[in-house]
Amino acid sequence: MQLANTATKTLCTSLLSFGLIACSGHDPVPESKCGEVVKHAQKVLGAMAPSAGELMSQCKAADDSARGCVMAATKKGALAQCL
């Protein structure tokens, strides 16, 4: 079971670390709101969420549209659509 959790965490980290490339149809979110984006991503990912510092770095590297996509996501699968 721990291997599955590790694999899932790795997958989520990989999905987020590839720049959170934007999905369409969401209101853009500025970099200044990364704190809110990180909190929301942690809530959606739950125990599978990477560290807040890692998410913050990824958020700052993303564009406004990608951050908007993350904020619109309510499930892990929807968060994956932000790629």
N, C-alpha and C. Protein backbone atom coordinates (compact mmCIF):
# COMPACT_ATOMS: atom_id res chain seq x y z
N MET A 1 0.81 -1.19 0.00
CA MET A 1 0.00 0.00 0.00
C MET A 1 0.86 1.26 0.00
N GLN A 2 1.97 1.22 0.73
CA GLN A 2 2.84 2.39 0.78
C GLN A 2 3.44 2.67 -0.60
N LEU A 3 3.74 1.62 -1.35
CA LEU A 3 4.26 1.80 -2.70
C LEU A 3 3.25 2.52 -3.58
N ALA A 4 1.97 2.17 -3.43
CA ALA A 4 0.92 2.83 -4.21
C ALA A 4 0.83 4.30 -3.83
N ASN A 5 0.92 4.61 -2.54
CA ASN A 5 0.87 6.01 -2.11
C ASN A 5 2.06 6.78 -2.65
N THR A 6 3.23 6.16 -2.63
CA THR A 6 4.43 6.81 -3.15
C THR A 6 4.28 7.05 -4.64
N ALA A 7 3.77 6.07 -5.36
CA ALA A 7 3.57 6.22 -6.81
C ALA A 7 2.56 7.32 -7.10
N THR A 8 1.51 7.38 -6.31
CA THR A 8 0.49 8.41 -6.52
C THR A 8 1.06 9.79 -6.24
N LYS A 9 1.83 9.92 -5.16
CA LYS A 9 2.45 11.21 -4.85
C LYS A 9 3.41 11.62 -5.95
N THR A 10 4.17 10.67 -6.45
CA THR A 10 5.11 10.97 -7.53
C THR A 10 4.36 11.43 -8.77
N LEU A 11 3.26 10.76 -9.09
CA LEU A 11 2.46 11.14 -10.26
C LEU A 11 1.93 12.56 -10.10
N CYS A 12 1.35 12.85 -8.95
CA CYS A 12 0.79 14.19 -8.73
C CYS A 12 1.88 15.26 -8.78
N THR A 13 3.01 14.97 -8.17
CA THR A 13 4.12 15.91 -8.21
C THR A 13 4.57 16.13 -9.64
N SER A 14 4.65 15.06 -10.40
CA SER A 14 5.07 15.17 -11.80
C SER A 14 4.07 15.99 -12.60
N LEU A 15 2.80 15.73 -12.37
CA LEU A 15 1.77 16.47 -13.10
C LEU A 15 1.86 17.96 -12.80
N LEU A 16 2.08 18.30 -11.55
CA LEU A 16 2.16 19.71 -11.18
C LEU A 16 3.48 20.33 -11.60
N SER A 17 4.54 19.55 -11.56
CA SER A 17 5.84 20.13 -11.82
C SER A 17 6.10 20.39 -13.29
N PHE A 18 5.32 19.87 -14.17
CA PHE A 18 5.51 20.14 -15.58
C PHE A 18 4.86 21.46 -15.97
N GLY A 19 4.83 22.37 -15.02
CA GLY A 19 4.48 23.75 -15.32
C GLY A 19 3.02 24.10 -15.20
N LEU A 20 2.20 23.17 -14.78
CA LEU A 20 0.77 23.46 -14.70
C LEU A 20 0.29 24.14 -15.97
N ILE A 21 0.64 23.56 -17.10
CA ILE A 21 0.29 24.13 -18.39
C ILE A 21 -1.22 24.32 -18.44
N ALA A 22 -1.64 25.43 -18.93
CA ALA A 22 -3.01 25.88 -18.80
C ALA A 22 -4.04 25.01 -19.51
N CYS A 23 -5.17 24.89 -18.85
CA CYS A 23 -6.36 24.40 -19.52
C CYS A 23 -7.20 25.64 -19.81
N SER A 24 -8.17 25.53 -20.66
CA SER A 24 -8.92 26.73 -21.06
C SER A 24 -10.23 26.84 -20.30
N GLY A 25 -10.81 28.02 -20.37
CA GLY A 25 -12.13 28.24 -19.83
C GLY A 25 -12.18 28.62 -18.36
N HIS A 26 -11.07 28.99 -17.78
CA HIS A 26 -11.05 29.38 -16.38
C HIS A 26 -10.53 30.80 -16.25
N ASP A 27 -11.06 31.51 -15.24
CA ASP A 27 -10.57 32.86 -15.00
C ASP A 27 -9.11 32.82 -14.60
N PRO A 28 -8.30 33.70 -15.16
CA PRO A 28 -6.88 33.73 -14.80
C PRO A 28 -6.69 34.15 -13.35
N VAL A 29 -5.66 33.60 -12.73
CA VAL A 29 -5.33 33.92 -11.34
C VAL A 29 -3.90 34.44 -11.31
N PRO A 30 -3.68 35.65 -10.78
CA PRO A 30 -2.33 36.22 -10.78
C PRO A 30 -1.40 35.52 -9.79
N GLU A 31 -0.11 35.68 -10.02
CA GLU A 31 0.91 35.08 -9.15
C GLU A 31 0.75 35.52 -7.70
N SER A 32 0.25 36.70 -7.49
CA SER A 32 0.07 37.21 -6.13
C SER A 32 -0.91 36.38 -5.30
N LYS A 33 -1.68 35.52 -5.96
CA LYS A 33 -2.65 34.67 -5.27
C LYS A 33 -2.13 33.24 -5.09
N CYS A 34 -0.83 33.03 -5.27
CA CYS A 34 -0.27 31.68 -5.15
C CYS A 34 -0.54 31.04 -3.79
N GLY A 35 -0.60 31.83 -2.74
CA GLY A 35 -0.92 31.26 -1.42
C GLY A 35 -2.27 30.56 -1.43
N GLU A 36 -3.25 31.19 -2.05
CA GLU A 36 -4.59 30.60 -2.17
C GLU A 36 -4.56 29.37 -3.08
N VAL A 37 -3.80 29.45 -4.17
CA VAL A 37 -3.70 28.34 -5.11
C VAL A 37 -3.08 27.12 -4.42
N VAL A 38 -2.03 27.35 -3.66
CA VAL A 38 -1.37 26.25 -2.94
C VAL A 38 -2.33 25.61 -1.94
N LYS A 39 -3.03 26.41 -1.16
CA LYS A 39 -3.98 25.87 -0.18
C LYS A 39 -5.05 25.05 -0.87
N HIS A 40 -5.54 25.54 -2.01
CA HIS A 40 -6.58 24.82 -2.73
C HIS A 40 -6.04 23.50 -3.29
N ALA A 41 -4.85 23.54 -3.87
CA ALA A 41 -4.25 22.31 -4.41
C ALA A 41 -4.03 21.29 -3.30
N GLN A 42 -3.58 21.74 -2.14
CA GLN A 42 -3.38 20.83 -1.01
C GLN A 42 -4.71 20.21 -0.58
N LYS A 43 -5.76 21.01 -0.58
CA LYS A 43 -7.09 20.50 -0.20
C LYS A 43 -7.55 19.43 -1.19
N VAL A 44 -7.39 19.71 -2.48
CA VAL A 44 -7.82 18.76 -3.51
C VAL A 44 -6.99 17.48 -3.46
N LEU A 45 -5.68 17.62 -3.30
CA LEU A 45 -4.78 16.46 -3.32
C LEU A 45 -4.75 15.70 -1.99
N GLY A 46 -5.13 16.36 -0.92
CA GLY A 46 -5.14 15.71 0.39
C GLY A 46 -3.76 15.20 0.77
N ALA A 47 -3.71 13.97 1.23
CA ALA A 47 -2.45 13.38 1.70
C ALA A 47 -1.45 13.19 0.57
N MET A 48 -1.90 13.28 -0.67
CA MET A 48 -0.99 13.10 -1.81
C MET A 48 -0.31 14.39 -2.23
N ALA A 49 -0.62 15.49 -1.57
CA ALA A 49 -0.06 16.79 -1.95
C ALA A 49 1.44 16.86 -1.64
N PRO A 50 2.21 17.42 -2.56
CA PRO A 50 3.63 17.69 -2.27
C PRO A 50 3.72 18.77 -1.20
N SER A 51 4.91 19.09 -0.78
CA SER A 51 5.09 20.12 0.25
C SER A 51 4.58 21.47 -0.25
N ALA A 52 4.22 22.31 0.71
CA ALA A 52 3.74 23.65 0.36
C ALA A 52 4.80 24.43 -0.40
N GLY A 53 6.06 24.26 -0.02
CA GLY A 53 7.15 24.96 -0.70
C GLY A 53 7.27 24.54 -2.16
N GLU A 54 7.13 23.24 -2.39
CA GLU A 54 7.20 22.74 -3.77
C GLU A 54 6.03 23.25 -4.59
N LEU A 55 4.84 23.22 -4.00
CA LEU A 55 3.66 23.72 -4.71
C LEU A 55 3.79 25.22 -4.99
N MET A 56 4.36 25.96 -4.03
CA MET A 56 4.52 27.40 -4.22
C MET A 56 5.47 27.68 -5.38
N SER A 57 6.56 26.94 -5.47
CA SER A 57 7.51 27.11 -6.58
C SER A 57 6.83 26.83 -7.91
N GLN A 58 6.04 25.76 -7.94
CA GLN A 58 5.34 25.41 -9.18
C GLN A 58 4.31 26.46 -9.54
N CYS A 59 3.64 26.98 -8.53
CA CYS A 59 2.63 28.01 -8.78
C CYS A 59 3.27 29.26 -9.37
N LYS A 60 4.38 29.68 -8.81
CA LYS A 60 5.05 30.88 -9.30
C LYS A 60 5.59 30.70 -10.72
N ALA A 61 5.92 29.46 -11.08
CA ALA A 61 6.43 29.18 -12.42
C ALA A 61 5.30 29.05 -13.45
N ALA A 62 4.09 28.84 -12.98
CA ALA A 62 2.94 28.65 -13.88
C ALA A 62 2.45 30.00 -14.40
N ASP A 63 1.60 29.95 -15.41
CA ASP A 63 0.99 31.19 -15.90
C ASP A 63 -0.38 31.41 -15.24
N ASP A 64 -0.96 32.57 -15.46
CA ASP A 64 -2.23 32.93 -14.83
C ASP A 64 -3.35 31.95 -15.16
N SER A 65 -3.39 31.49 -16.37
CA SER A 65 -4.44 30.57 -16.79
C SER A 65 -4.31 29.22 -16.09
N ALA A 66 -3.09 28.72 -15.95
CA ALA A 66 -2.87 27.44 -15.27
C ALA A 66 -3.28 27.55 -13.80
N ARG A 67 -2.95 28.67 -13.17
CA ARG A 67 -3.36 28.86 -11.78
C ARG A 67 -4.88 28.90 -11.68
N GLY A 68 -5.54 29.50 -12.65
CA GLY A 68 -7.00 29.51 -12.67
C GLY A 68 -7.58 28.12 -12.82
N CYS A 69 -6.94 27.32 -13.63
CA CYS A 69 -7.36 25.94 -13.81
C CYS A 69 -7.27 25.18 -12.50
N VAL A 70 -6.18 25.35 -11.77
CA VAL A 70 -6.01 24.68 -10.48
C VAL A 70 -7.11 25.13 -9.52
N MET A 71 -7.39 26.41 -9.48
CA MET A 71 -8.41 26.93 -8.57
C MET A 71 -9.80 26.39 -8.90
N ALA A 72 -10.05 26.09 -10.17
CA ALA A 72 -11.35 25.57 -10.58
C ALA A 72 -11.49 24.08 -10.32
N ALA A 73 -10.38 23.39 -10.10
CA ALA A 73 -10.40 21.94 -9.91
C ALA A 73 -10.98 21.59 -8.54
N THR A 74 -11.85 20.59 -8.52
CA THR A 74 -12.43 20.13 -7.26
C THR A 74 -12.08 18.68 -6.97
N LYS A 75 -11.47 18.00 -7.94
CA LYS A 75 -11.07 16.61 -7.78
C LYS A 75 -9.68 16.42 -8.36
N LYS A 76 -9.00 15.38 -7.91
CA LYS A 76 -7.64 15.10 -8.40
C LYS A 76 -7.60 14.99 -9.90
N GLY A 77 -8.60 14.33 -10.49
CA GLY A 77 -8.64 14.17 -11.94
C GLY A 77 -8.77 15.51 -12.65
N ALA A 78 -9.56 16.40 -12.09
CA ALA A 78 -9.72 17.73 -12.67
C ALA A 78 -8.41 18.51 -12.58
N LEU A 79 -7.70 18.32 -11.48
CA LEU A 79 -6.42 18.98 -11.31
C LEU A 79 -5.44 18.50 -12.38
N ALA A 80 -5.49 17.21 -12.70
CA ALA A 80 -4.64 16.66 -13.74
C ALA A 80 -4.96 17.27 -15.10
N GLN A 81 -6.18 17.72 -15.30
CA GLN A 81 -6.56 18.34 -16.57
C GLN A 81 -5.89 19.69 -16.77
N CYS A 82 -5.30 20.24 -15.74
CA CYS A 82 -4.63 21.53 -15.85
C CYS A 82 -3.32 21.42 -16.61
N LEU A 83 -2.93 20.22 -16.99
CA LEU A 83 -1.69 20.03 -17.76
C LEU A 83 -1.94 20.24 -19.22
